[in-house]
């Protein structure tokens, strides 16, 4: 299983390249002055693009919810989230156990 990656969009009138098995390509906009698309397996990964200035609050929120910053081009950012790793991480987290209430002193 490959990680999501950017690739150049073929010139107008040229047939789009096929993706490896299970992957799809979606438009990614301008990257380094060229139109690009992101190829990824949407069953395994999620991809998000942030354009323009991004606040630290947004970045912290993305990171805390499992997103990883993968590529930047000036103000453009490509973030990915691995669905399987996220699910496994949630399974590995300890489940909080509520504290037991004491019933008061015992009288013998």
C-alpha atoms as a PDB file:
ATOM      1  CA  UNK A   1       0.000   0.000   0.000  1.00  0.00           C
ATOM      2  CA  UNK A   2       1.505   3.304  -1.087  1.00  0.00           C
ATOM      3  CA  UNK A   3       1.272   6.658   0.620  1.00  0.00           C
ATOM      4  CA  UNK A   4      -0.671   9.417  -1.160  1.00  0.00           C
ATOM      5  CA  UNK A   5       1.464  11.299  -3.691  1.00  0.00           C
ATOM      6  CA  UNK A   6       1.175  14.245  -6.068  1.00  0.00           C
ATOM      7  CA  UNK A   7       1.661  13.845  -9.777  1.00  0.00           C
ATOM      8  CA  UNK A   8       1.433  16.240 -12.710  1.00  0.00           C
ATOM      9  CA  UNK A   9      -1.872  16.520 -14.526  1.00  0.00           C
ATOM     10  CA  UNK A  10      -1.485  15.533 -18.188  1.00  0.00           C
ATOM     11  CA  UNK A  11      -1.873  18.340 -20.739  1.00  0.00           C
ATOM     12  CA  UNK A  12      -5.352  19.034 -22.067  1.00  0.00           C
ATOM     13  CA  UNK A  13      -6.349  16.534 -24.738  1.00  0.00           C
ATOM     14  CA  UNK A  14      -4.041  13.824 -23.388  1.00  0.00           C
ATOM     15  CA  UNK A  15      -5.712  10.865 -21.685  1.00  0.00           C
ATOM     16  CA  UNK A  16      -5.366  10.729 -17.916  1.00  0.00           C
ATOM     17  CA  UNK A  17      -2.924   8.167 -16.597  1.00  0.00           C
ATOM     18  CA  UNK A  18      -4.426   5.229 -14.775  1.00  0.00           C
ATOM     19  CA  UNK A  19      -3.667   4.693 -11.108  1.00  0.00           C
ATOM     20  CA  UNK A  20      -2.247   1.539  -9.573  1.00  0.00           C
ATOM     21  CA  UNK A  21      -4.853  -0.930  -8.283  1.00  0.00           C
ATOM     22  CA  UNK A  22      -7.199   0.516  -5.691  1.00  0.00           C
ATOM     23  CA  UNK A  23      -5.960   4.097  -6.051  1.00  0.00           C
ATOM     24  CA  UNK A  24      -7.829   7.090  -7.415  1.00  0.00           C
ATOM     25  CA  UNK A  25      -6.662  10.526  -8.524  1.00  0.00           C
ATOM     26  CA  UNK A  26      -8.282  13.785  -7.425  1.00  0.00           C
ATOM     27  CA  UNK A  27      -7.387  17.373  -8.428  1.00  0.00           C
ATOM     28  CA  UNK A  28      -4.894  19.016  -6.079  1.00  0.00           C
ATOM     29  CA  UNK A  29      -4.605  22.465  -7.694  1.00  0.00           C
ATOM     30  CA  UNK A  30      -1.365  24.346  -8.314  1.00  0.00           C
ATOM     31  CA  UNK A  31       1.826  22.916  -6.806  1.00  0.00           C
ATOM     32  CA  UNK A  32       5.173  24.500  -7.687  1.00  0.00           C
ATOM     33  CA  UNK A  33       3.504  26.337 -10.566  1.00  0.00           C
ATOM     34  CA  UNK A  34       1.930  23.255 -12.184  1.00  0.00           C
ATOM     35  CA  UNK A  35      -1.487  21.668 -11.999  1.00  0.00           C
ATOM     36  CA  UNK A  36      -1.296  18.491  -9.957  1.00  0.00           C
ATOM     37  CA  UNK A  37      -3.475  15.677  -8.759  1.00  0.00           C
ATOM     38  CA  UNK A  38      -3.174  13.500  -5.690  1.00  0.00           C
ATOM     39  CA  UNK A  39      -3.256   9.731  -6.152  1.00  0.00           C
ATOM     40  CA  UNK A  40      -4.283   7.675  -3.136  1.00  0.00           C
ATOM     41  CA  UNK A  41      -6.334   4.754  -1.907  1.00  0.00           C
ATOM     42  CA  UNK A  42      -9.329   6.361  -0.228  1.00  0.00           C
ATOM     43  CA  UNK A  43     -10.045   3.161   1.705  1.00  0.00           C
ATOM     44  CA  UNK A  44      -6.738   3.645   3.525  1.00  0.00           C
ATOM     45  CA  UNK A  45      -6.067   7.400   3.508  1.00  0.00           C
ATOM     46  CA  UNK A  46      -7.811  10.733   3.759  1.00  0.00           C
ATOM     47  CA  UNK A  47      -6.263  13.801   2.103  1.00  0.00           C
ATOM     48  CA  UNK A  48      -6.923  17.442   2.951  1.00  0.00           C
ATOM     49  CA  UNK A  49      -5.547  20.606   1.371  1.00  0.00           C
ATOM     50  CA  UNK A  50      -5.229  23.848   3.306  1.00  0.00           C
ATOM     51  CA  UNK A  51      -4.672  27.013   1.303  1.00  0.00           C
ATOM     52  CA  UNK A  52      -3.418  30.315   2.660  1.00  0.00           C
ATOM     53  CA  UNK A  53      -2.397  31.221   6.174  1.00  0.00           C
ATOM     54  CA  UNK A  54      -3.246  28.567   8.761  1.00  0.00           C
ATOM     55  CA  UNK A  55      -3.520  29.357  12.460  1.00  0.00           C
ATOM     56  CA  UNK A  56      -1.702  27.324  15.087  1.00  0.00           C
ATOM     57  CA  UNK A  57      -5.115  26.355  16.496  1.00  0.00           C
ATOM     58  CA  UNK A  58      -6.033  24.696  13.182  1.00  0.00           C
ATOM     59  CA  UNK A  59      -2.650  22.959  12.949  1.00  0.00           C
ATOM     60  CA  UNK A  60      -2.954  21.682  16.540  1.00  0.00           C
ATOM     61  CA  UNK A  61      -6.486  20.440  15.811  1.00  0.00           C
ATOM     62  CA  UNK A  62      -5.352  18.602  12.688  1.00  0.00           C
ATOM     63  CA  UNK A  63      -2.458  16.925  14.521  1.00  0.00           C
ATOM     64  CA  UNK A  64      -4.594  15.964  17.528  1.00  0.00           C
ATOM     65  CA  UNK A  65      -7.115  14.275  15.240  1.00  0.00           C
ATOM     66  CA  UNK A  66      -4.514  12.132  13.471  1.00  0.00           C
ATOM     67  CA  UNK A  67      -3.538  14.272  10.467  1.00  0.00           C
ATOM     68  CA  UNK A  68       0.097  14.580   9.322  1.00  0.00           C
ATOM     69  CA  UNK A  69       1.481  17.468   7.285  1.00  0.00           C
ATOM     70  CA  UNK A  70       3.126  15.884   4.239  1.00  0.00           C
ATOM     71  CA  UNK A  71       3.798  18.605   1.661  1.00  0.00           C
ATOM     72  CA  UNK A  72       3.968  22.378   1.498  1.00  0.00           C
ATOM     73  CA  UNK A  73       4.303  24.833  -1.357  1.00  0.00           C
ATOM     74  CA  UNK A  74       4.295  28.331   0.050  1.00  0.00           C
ATOM     75  CA  UNK A  75       0.918  28.731   1.766  1.00  0.00           C
ATOM     76  CA  UNK A  76      -0.434  25.443   0.346  1.00  0.00           C
ATOM     77  CA  UNK A  77      -0.388  22.397   2.585  1.00  0.00           C
ATOM     78  CA  UNK A  78      -1.259  18.761   1.916  1.00  0.00           C
ATOM     79  CA  UNK A  79      -2.255  16.774   5.006  1.00  0.00           C
ATOM     80  CA  UNK A  80      -2.925  13.033   5.113  1.00  0.00           C
ATOM     81  CA  UNK A  81      -4.527  10.750   7.653  1.00  0.00           C
ATOM     82  CA  UNK A  82      -3.999   7.005   7.645  1.00  0.00           C
ATOM     83  CA  UNK A  83      -7.371   5.489   8.545  1.00  0.00           C
ATOM     84  CA  UNK A  84      -5.860   2.166   9.689  1.00  0.00           C
ATOM     85  CA  UNK A  85      -3.211   3.782  11.891  1.00  0.00           C
ATOM     86  CA  UNK A  86      -5.866   6.039  13.408  1.00  0.00           C
ATOM     87  CA  UNK A  87      -8.120   3.072  14.239  1.00  0.00           C
ATOM     88  CA  UNK A  88      -5.238   1.071  15.717  1.00  0.00           C
ATOM     89  CA  UNK A  89      -4.142   4.078  17.763  1.00  0.00           C
ATOM     90  CA  UNK A  90      -7.621   4.423  19.194  1.00  0.00           C
ATOM     91  CA  UNK A  91      -7.667   0.731  20.131  1.00  0.00           C
ATOM     92  CA  UNK A  92      -4.317   1.070  21.914  1.00  0.00           C
ATOM     93  CA  UNK A  93      -5.504   3.992  24.058  1.00  0.00           C
ATOM     94  CA  UNK A  94      -6.346   3.028  27.618  1.00  0.00           C
ATOM     95  CA  UNK A  95     -10.032   3.305  28.403  1.00  0.00           C
ATOM     96  CA  UNK A  96     -10.636   5.576  31.375  1.00  0.00           C
ATOM     97  CA  UNK A  97     -12.207   3.712  34.278  1.00  0.00           C
ATOM     98  CA  UNK A  98     -14.490   5.707  36.537  1.00  0.00           C
ATOM     99  CA  UNK A  99     -13.358   5.943  40.144  1.00  0.00           C
ATOM    100  CA  UNK A 100     -15.279   3.766  42.561  1.00  0.00           C
ATOM    101  CA  UNK A 101     -17.101   5.537  45.357  1.00  0.00           C
ATOM    102  CA  UNK A 102     -16.405   4.360  48.835  1.00  0.00           C
ATOM    103  CA  UNK A 103     -19.446   3.444  50.836  1.00  0.00           C
ATOM    104  CA  UNK A 104     -18.261   5.113  54.034  1.00  0.00           C
ATOM    105  CA  UNK A 105     -16.771   3.568  57.142  1.00  0.00           C
ATOM    106  CA  UNK A 106     -17.642  -0.021  57.954  1.00  0.00           C
ATOM    107  CA  UNK A 107     -19.083  -0.715  61.339  1.00  0.00           C
ATOM    108  CA  UNK A 108     -18.284  -4.114  62.750  1.00  0.00           C
END
